[in-house]
Protein backbone atom coordinates (compact mmCIF):
# COMPACT_ATOMS: atom_id res chain seq x y z
CA MET A 1 9.32 -13.18 -37.09
CA ALA A 2 8.28 -16.88 -37.40
CA VAL A 3 11.13 -17.86 -35.26
CA LEU A 4 10.04 -15.43 -32.60
CA PHE A 5 6.51 -16.63 -32.71
CA GLN A 6 7.27 -20.30 -32.59
CA GLY A 7 9.88 -19.95 -29.63
CA ASN A 8 8.19 -17.21 -27.37
CA ASN A 9 6.03 -18.72 -24.66
CA LEU A 10 4.48 -15.32 -23.87
CA ILE A 11 3.14 -15.01 -27.54
CA LYS A 12 2.06 -18.68 -27.59
CA GLY A 13 0.40 -18.83 -23.98
CA GLY A 14 0.24 -15.68 -22.45
CA LEU A 15 -3.10 -14.35 -23.92
CA LEU A 16 -4.82 -17.70 -23.35
CA ILE A 17 -3.71 -17.98 -19.76
CA GLY A 18 -4.57 -14.28 -19.22
CA LEU A 19 -8.07 -15.02 -20.36
CA LEU A 20 -8.47 -18.03 -17.97
CA TRP A 21 -7.40 -15.93 -15.03
CA PHE A 22 -9.95 -13.33 -16.12
CA ALA A 23 -12.72 -15.91 -16.41
CA TRP A 24 -11.76 -17.26 -12.87
CA PHE A 25 -12.01 -13.73 -11.17
CA ARG A 26 -14.51 -11.92 -12.96
CA ALA A 27 -17.39 -11.44 -10.46
CA ASP A 28 -20.81 -11.92 -11.83
CA ASN A 29 -23.83 -14.27 -11.64
CA ASP A 30 -22.08 -16.88 -13.85
CA LEU A 31 -18.86 -17.12 -11.91
CA ALA A 32 -19.64 -20.62 -10.33
CA ASN A 33 -20.26 -22.12 -13.70
CA ARG A 34 -17.40 -20.38 -15.33
CA ARG A 35 -14.84 -21.62 -12.81
CA GLN A 36 -16.04 -25.21 -13.46
CA ILE A 37 -15.28 -24.67 -17.02
CA VAL A 38 -11.85 -23.17 -16.27
CA ILE A 39 -11.04 -26.35 -14.35
CA ALA A 40 -12.33 -28.47 -17.13
CA CYS A 41 -10.26 -26.52 -19.41
CA ILE A 42 -7.03 -27.08 -17.56
CA VAL A 43 -7.64 -30.67 -17.26
CA SER A 44 -8.35 -31.04 -21.00
CA ALA A 45 -5.61 -28.95 -22.03
CA ILE A 46 -3.11 -31.07 -19.97
CA ALA A 47 -4.59 -34.23 -21.14
CA ALA A 48 -4.71 -33.11 -24.84
CA ALA A 49 -0.96 -32.21 -24.66
CA ALA A 50 0.12 -35.34 -22.93
CA LEU A 51 -1.84 -37.62 -25.28
CA SER A 52 -0.38 -35.93 -28.27
CA ARG A 53 3.12 -36.21 -26.91
CA ILE A 54 2.62 -39.76 -25.99
CA PHE A 55 1.20 -40.57 -29.56
CA THR A 56 4.19 -38.92 -31.08
CA HIS A 57 6.61 -41.28 -29.10
CA LEU A 58 4.65 -44.54 -29.32
CA PHE A 59 3.46 -44.07 -33.01
CA PRO A 60 6.09 -41.78 -34.72
CA LEU A 61 4.18 -41.14 -37.96
CA GLY A 62 6.41 -39.36 -40.56
CA VAL A 63 9.18 -37.03 -40.43
CA ARG A 64 8.96 -33.33 -39.97
CA PRO A 65 8.93 -31.05 -42.91
CA PHE A 66 12.29 -29.50 -42.23
CA GLU A 67 13.98 -32.99 -42.24
CA ILE A 68 13.23 -33.39 -45.87
CA GLN A 69 15.97 -32.04 -47.77
CA ASP A 70 14.19 -31.54 -50.98
CA LEU A 71 12.05 -28.83 -49.42
CA ASN A 72 15.02 -26.69 -48.79
CA ILE A 73 13.89 -25.29 -45.38
CA PRO A 74 16.93 -23.45 -43.74
CA ARG A 75 18.82 -25.84 -41.57
CA PRO A 76 19.52 -23.22 -38.82
CA LEU A 77 16.12 -24.37 -37.51
CA SER A 78 17.53 -27.51 -36.41
CA VAL A 79 19.39 -25.48 -33.79
CA LEU A 80 16.37 -23.82 -32.70
CA TYR A 81 14.11 -27.03 -32.53
CA GLU A 82 14.82 -30.39 -31.05
CA ILE A 83 13.15 -33.38 -32.70
CA LYS A 84 10.95 -34.93 -30.20
CA GLY A 85 9.45 -38.02 -31.81
CA GLY A 86 7.05 -38.13 -34.76
CA SER A 87 5.57 -35.10 -36.56
CA PHE A 88 1.82 -36.16 -35.93
CA PRO A 89 -0.12 -34.69 -34.04
CA SER A 90 0.91 -31.21 -32.76
CA ASP A 91 0.77 -30.90 -29.02
CA HIS A 92 0.84 -26.99 -29.29
CA ALA A 93 -2.34 -27.33 -31.30
CA ALA A 94 -3.83 -29.78 -28.96
CA LEU A 95 -3.20 -27.83 -26.01
CA ALA A 96 -4.17 -24.41 -27.49
CA PHE A 97 -7.32 -25.70 -29.22
CA ALA A 98 -8.43 -27.18 -25.93
CA ILE A 99 -8.31 -23.76 -24.11
CA VAL A 100 -9.81 -22.11 -27.22
CA THR A 101 -12.84 -24.48 -27.05
CA SER A 102 -13.54 -23.80 -23.31
CA LEU A 103 -13.24 -20.05 -24.10
CA PHE A 104 -15.69 -20.48 -26.81
CA PHE A 105 -18.14 -22.18 -24.24
CA MET A 106 -17.89 -19.24 -21.94
CA TRP A 107 -17.91 -16.35 -24.60
CA PRO A 108 -18.40 -17.55 -28.18
CA LEU A 109 -16.92 -14.41 -29.81
CA VAL A 110 -13.83 -14.54 -27.64
CA GLY A 111 -13.53 -18.24 -28.59
CA LEU A 112 -13.57 -17.53 -32.31
CA LEU A 113 -11.24 -14.63 -31.85
CA THR A 114 -8.69 -16.72 -29.87
CA ALA A 115 -9.11 -19.44 -32.53
CA LEU A 116 -7.82 -16.96 -35.16
CA TYR A 117 -5.13 -15.89 -32.93
CA VAL A 118 -3.93 -19.41 -32.32
CA SER A 119 -4.06 -20.16 -36.11
CA LEU A 120 -1.97 -17.27 -36.99
CA PHE A 121 0.56 -17.07 -34.07
CA ILE A 122 0.95 -20.60 -33.00
CA ALA A 123 -0.19 -22.87 -35.87
CA LEU A 124 1.00 -20.87 -38.92
CA PRO A 125 4.62 -20.35 -37.75
CA ARG A 126 5.22 -23.91 -37.02
CA MET A 127 4.08 -24.90 -40.55
CA TYR A 128 6.07 -22.04 -42.18
CA LEU A 129 9.34 -23.26 -40.29
CA GLY A 130 8.62 -26.83 -41.19
CA ILE A 131 8.14 -28.19 -37.70
CA HIS A 132 4.62 -29.35 -38.54
CA TRP A 133 2.45 -30.47 -41.40
CA PHE A 134 -1.08 -29.05 -41.85
CA SER A 135 -2.45 -32.36 -40.98
CA ASP A 136 -0.35 -32.40 -37.71
CA ILE A 137 -2.10 -29.09 -36.64
CA ILE A 138 -5.64 -30.51 -37.65
CA GLY A 139 -4.88 -33.65 -35.75
CA GLY A 140 -3.79 -31.93 -32.65
CA ALA A 141 -6.59 -29.40 -32.78
CA LEU A 142 -9.17 -32.24 -33.04
CA ILE A 143 -7.67 -34.05 -29.99
CA GLY A 144 -7.87 -30.64 -27.86
CA ILE A 145 -11.43 -29.79 -29.12
CA THR A 146 -12.62 -33.29 -28.49
CA LEU A 147 -11.18 -33.60 -24.83
CA SER A 148 -12.47 -30.05 -24.08
CA PHE A 149 -15.97 -30.79 -25.46
CA VAL A 150 -16.27 -34.01 -23.47
CA LEU A 151 -14.88 -32.80 -20.06
CA SER A 152 -17.13 -29.65 -20.40
CA TRP A 153 -20.42 -31.51 -20.21
CA ASN A 154 -22.31 -30.59 -17.20
CA LYS A 155 -21.88 -33.82 -15.10
CA VAL A 156 -18.42 -34.32 -16.01
CA ARG A 157 -17.06 -30.85 -15.12
CA GLU A 158 -19.08 -30.65 -11.94
CA TRP A 159 -17.26 -33.99 -10.94
CA LEU A 160 -14.06 -32.64 -11.98
CA ALA A 161 -14.57 -29.26 -10.13
CA ARG A 162 -16.09 -30.41 -7.03
CA PRO A 163 -12.82 -31.38 -5.05
CA ILE A 164 -10.71 -28.63 -6.57
CA LEU A 165 -13.29 -25.95 -5.76
CA ARG A 166 -13.48 -27.36 -2.13
CA TRP A 167 -9.67 -27.30 -1.88
CA HIS A 168 -9.81 -23.58 -3.06
CA ASP A 169 -12.43 -22.74 -0.34
CA LEU A 170 -10.49 -24.45 2.40
CA LEU A 171 -6.81 -23.64 1.53
CA PRO A 172 -6.69 -20.76 -0.85
CA GLU A 173 -3.13 -19.85 0.37
CA ILE A 174 -1.88 -23.15 -1.07
CA PHE A 175 -4.46 -23.56 -3.95
CA TYR A 176 -3.23 -20.36 -5.78
CA PRO A 177 0.42 -20.85 -5.64
CA VAL A 178 -0.20 -24.41 -7.07
CA MET A 179 -2.54 -23.02 -9.63
CA PHE A 180 0.15 -20.69 -10.75
CA LEU A 181 2.71 -23.43 -11.42
CA VAL A 182 -0.02 -25.31 -13.27
CA VAL A 183 -0.95 -22.42 -15.65
CA PHE A 184 2.79 -21.61 -15.95
CA GLY A 185 3.22 -25.20 -17.22
CA LEU A 186 0.34 -24.83 -19.65
CA MET A 187 1.93 -21.69 -21.05
CA THR A 188 5.13 -23.31 -21.54
CA ARG A 189 3.74 -26.71 -22.42
CA PHE A 190 5.66 -27.95 -19.34
CA ASP A 191 8.97 -27.87 -21.12
CA ASP A 192 10.86 -26.78 -17.86
CA TYR A 193 9.07 -29.39 -15.85
CA ARG A 194 10.02 -32.08 -18.35
CA SER A 195 13.66 -31.01 -18.71
CA ILE A 196 14.05 -31.26 -14.94
CA ILE A 197 12.43 -34.84 -15.03
CA ASN A 198 14.58 -35.78 -17.91
CA TRP A 199 17.66 -34.70 -16.05
CA ILE A 200 16.72 -36.65 -12.97
CA ILE A 201 16.06 -39.71 -15.15
CA GLN A 202 19.42 -39.22 -16.85
CA PHE A 203 21.61 -38.38 -13.93
CA GLY A 204 19.72 -39.40 -10.90
CA PRO A 205 20.94 -42.93 -10.73
CA GLU A 206 24.64 -41.82 -11.13
CA LEU A 207 24.15 -39.33 -8.17
CA LEU A 208 22.63 -41.91 -6.10
CA SER A 209 25.24 -44.37 -6.73
CA VAL A 210 28.03 -42.03 -5.65
CA LYS A 211 29.51 -42.91 -2.27
């Protein structure tokens, strides 16, 4: 069950992304304000995940629990998970808690419930399987919460949202396909996008050199 939870993008991101779409389309008196928060949420979630991933590569702090033999964590996990830099902080936690924080700003009860969901279905399986330490989860969560809090300030989110909402009003037929690709990336932590980029970096020069 833990392996299913840690590897299934629908479980890890489907509910959170669905709530963001609900917030975007629900028509009421608070729609304009809520759309600003959704935009700030997406920006903060992307920034939190990117910052966490960059940190793990530039400052690889500690090994992951399943790499420590004395812990006797089942080795088949090494087939399920590719080591991607250091253990601290968790980019999953950073991205998820950035979204949770924005949901809390819109609906406090929903934010608290999704925080519990993220803790049980995203954070706990990754600790149970030895992918992260508890401190990794806390560090990632703090990054996500902080960025979401800062970018959701009234003046900041208005500045972020203004050009995006203008784009939405002028070219909705382009805005929504692009937005779909963005939130798909959030749900998968941009793994598919990064795999394509890594492939291009690895094999692109060879293809260009072929005559």
